[in-house]
N, C-alpha and C. Protein backbone atom coordinates (compact mmCIF):
# COMPACT_ATOMS: atom_id res chain seq x y z
N MET A 1 -155.91 -21.11 101.18
CA MET A 1 -155.94 -22.29 99.87
C MET A 1 -157.42 -22.71 99.59
N GLU A 2 -157.38 -22.69 98.15
CA GLU A 2 -158.80 -23.10 97.90
C GLU A 2 -159.36 -24.39 96.98
N LEU A 3 -159.73 -24.86 97.24
CA LEU A 3 -160.07 -25.86 95.88
C LEU A 3 -160.25 -25.12 94.44
N SER A 4 -159.79 -25.48 93.20
CA SER A 4 -159.58 -25.43 92.05
C SER A 4 -161.06 -26.00 91.32
N THR A 5 -161.43 -25.55 90.11
CA THR A 5 -162.12 -25.88 89.22
C THR A 5 -161.41 -27.14 88.26
N ARG A 6 -160.32 -26.67 88.06
CA ARG A 6 -159.72 -27.76 87.63
C ARG A 6 -159.60 -29.07 88.49
N LEU A 7 -159.47 -30.55 87.11
CA LEU A 7 -159.80 -31.59 87.47
C LEU A 7 -158.02 -32.18 87.70
N CYS A 8 -157.78 -33.09 88.19
CA CYS A 8 -156.88 -33.98 88.75
C CYS A 8 -156.90 -34.96 87.54
N PRO A 9 -156.16 -34.99 86.21
CA PRO A 9 -156.66 -36.10 85.16
C PRO A 9 -156.23 -36.96 85.46
N LEU A 10 -155.26 -37.59 86.31
CA LEU A 10 -155.70 -39.17 87.30
C LEU A 10 -156.17 -39.44 88.66
N CYS A 11 -156.72 -38.74 89.24
CA CYS A 11 -157.62 -38.91 90.27
C CYS A 11 -158.92 -38.50 90.41
N HIS A 12 -159.30 -37.33 89.23
CA HIS A 12 -160.34 -36.67 88.64
C HIS A 12 -161.00 -36.35 90.16
N VAL A 13 -160.16 -35.70 90.76
CA VAL A 13 -160.53 -34.77 91.67
C VAL A 13 -159.69 -33.34 91.64
N PRO A 14 -160.60 -32.08 92.27
CA PRO A 14 -160.52 -30.90 92.35
C PRO A 14 -158.70 -30.53 92.69
N PHE A 15 -157.98 -29.88 92.07
CA PHE A 15 -156.68 -29.42 92.60
C PHE A 15 -156.94 -28.50 94.04
N LEU A 16 -156.03 -28.62 94.14
CA LEU A 16 -155.67 -27.75 95.88
C LEU A 16 -155.32 -26.33 95.22
N GLN A 17 -155.62 -25.23 95.25
CA GLN A 17 -154.82 -23.83 95.02
C GLN A 17 -153.78 -23.04 95.87
N ILE A 18 -152.43 -23.41 95.79
CA ILE A 18 -151.63 -23.01 96.60
C ILE A 18 -151.28 -21.68 96.10
N PRO A 19 -151.24 -20.35 96.87
CA PRO A 19 -150.45 -19.24 96.24
C PRO A 19 -149.25 -19.22 96.44
N VAL A 20 -148.26 -18.56 95.76
CA VAL A 20 -146.87 -18.82 95.43
C VAL A 20 -146.80 -17.61 94.90
N GLY A 21 -146.22 -16.64 95.57
CA GLY A 21 -145.88 -15.05 94.79
C GLY A 21 -147.19 -14.48 94.44
N ASP A 22 -146.58 -13.99 92.94
CA ASP A 22 -147.73 -13.44 92.27
C ASP A 22 -149.09 -14.55 92.00
N GLY A 23 -148.62 -15.58 91.79
CA GLY A 23 -149.20 -16.42 91.01
C GLY A 23 -149.90 -17.74 91.42
N SER A 24 -150.16 -18.55 91.55
CA SER A 24 -150.63 -20.39 92.34
C SER A 24 -150.49 -21.14 91.61
N ILE A 25 -149.99 -22.40 92.26
CA ILE A 25 -149.74 -23.64 91.39
C ILE A 25 -151.35 -24.39 92.35
N GLU A 26 -151.31 -25.84 91.49
CA GLU A 26 -152.41 -26.80 91.95
C GLU A 26 -151.56 -27.73 92.12
N ILE A 27 -152.39 -28.84 93.21
CA ILE A 27 -151.89 -29.67 93.61
C ILE A 27 -152.85 -30.66 94.18
N CYS A 28 -152.85 -31.92 93.51
CA CYS A 28 -153.67 -33.09 93.75
C CYS A 28 -153.45 -33.08 95.06
N GLU A 29 -154.06 -33.30 96.25
CA GLU A 29 -154.50 -34.19 97.48
C GLU A 29 -153.96 -34.99 97.74
N LYS A 30 -154.32 -35.96 96.82
CA LYS A 30 -154.42 -37.42 96.60
C LYS A 30 -153.12 -38.31 95.78
N CYS A 31 -152.29 -37.75 94.54
CA CYS A 31 -151.85 -38.32 94.24
C CYS A 31 -150.41 -37.37 94.06
N GLN A 32 -150.52 -35.86 94.69
CA GLN A 32 -149.23 -35.38 94.46
C GLN A 32 -148.88 -34.71 92.82
N GLY A 33 -149.89 -34.66 92.51
CA GLY A 33 -149.29 -34.27 91.63
C GLY A 33 -149.68 -32.56 90.76
N THR A 34 -148.99 -32.23 90.09
CA THR A 34 -148.68 -30.66 90.52
C THR A 34 -149.40 -30.11 89.17
N PHE A 35 -150.15 -28.95 88.98
CA PHE A 35 -150.28 -28.17 87.53
C PHE A 35 -150.51 -26.63 87.49
N PHE A 36 -149.59 -26.39 86.41
CA PHE A 36 -149.23 -24.57 86.81
C PHE A 36 -148.60 -24.17 85.16
N GLU A 37 -149.81 -22.99 85.26
CA GLU A 37 -149.50 -22.56 83.58
C GLU A 37 -147.80 -22.28 83.75
N PHE A 38 -147.12 -22.01 82.32
CA PHE A 38 -146.41 -22.06 81.60
C PHE A 38 -145.31 -20.56 82.48
N ASP A 39 -146.24 -19.42 82.46
CA ASP A 39 -145.80 -18.28 82.76
C ASP A 39 -145.43 -17.90 84.32
N GLU A 40 -146.04 -18.93 85.27
CA GLU A 40 -145.84 -18.92 86.25
C GLU A 40 -144.38 -19.80 87.09
N LEU A 41 -143.43 -20.12 86.00
CA LEU A 41 -142.26 -21.00 86.61
C LEU A 41 -141.54 -19.72 86.89
């Protein structure tokens, strides 16, 4: 796991990138918000 360059729009901290299958999801460690690309579903 590594930090993303993308920031959480609510907390303004870097997302944590978590590999899932062939892609990854990004999770904010502070608010637990998640971000993923449409094709990663």
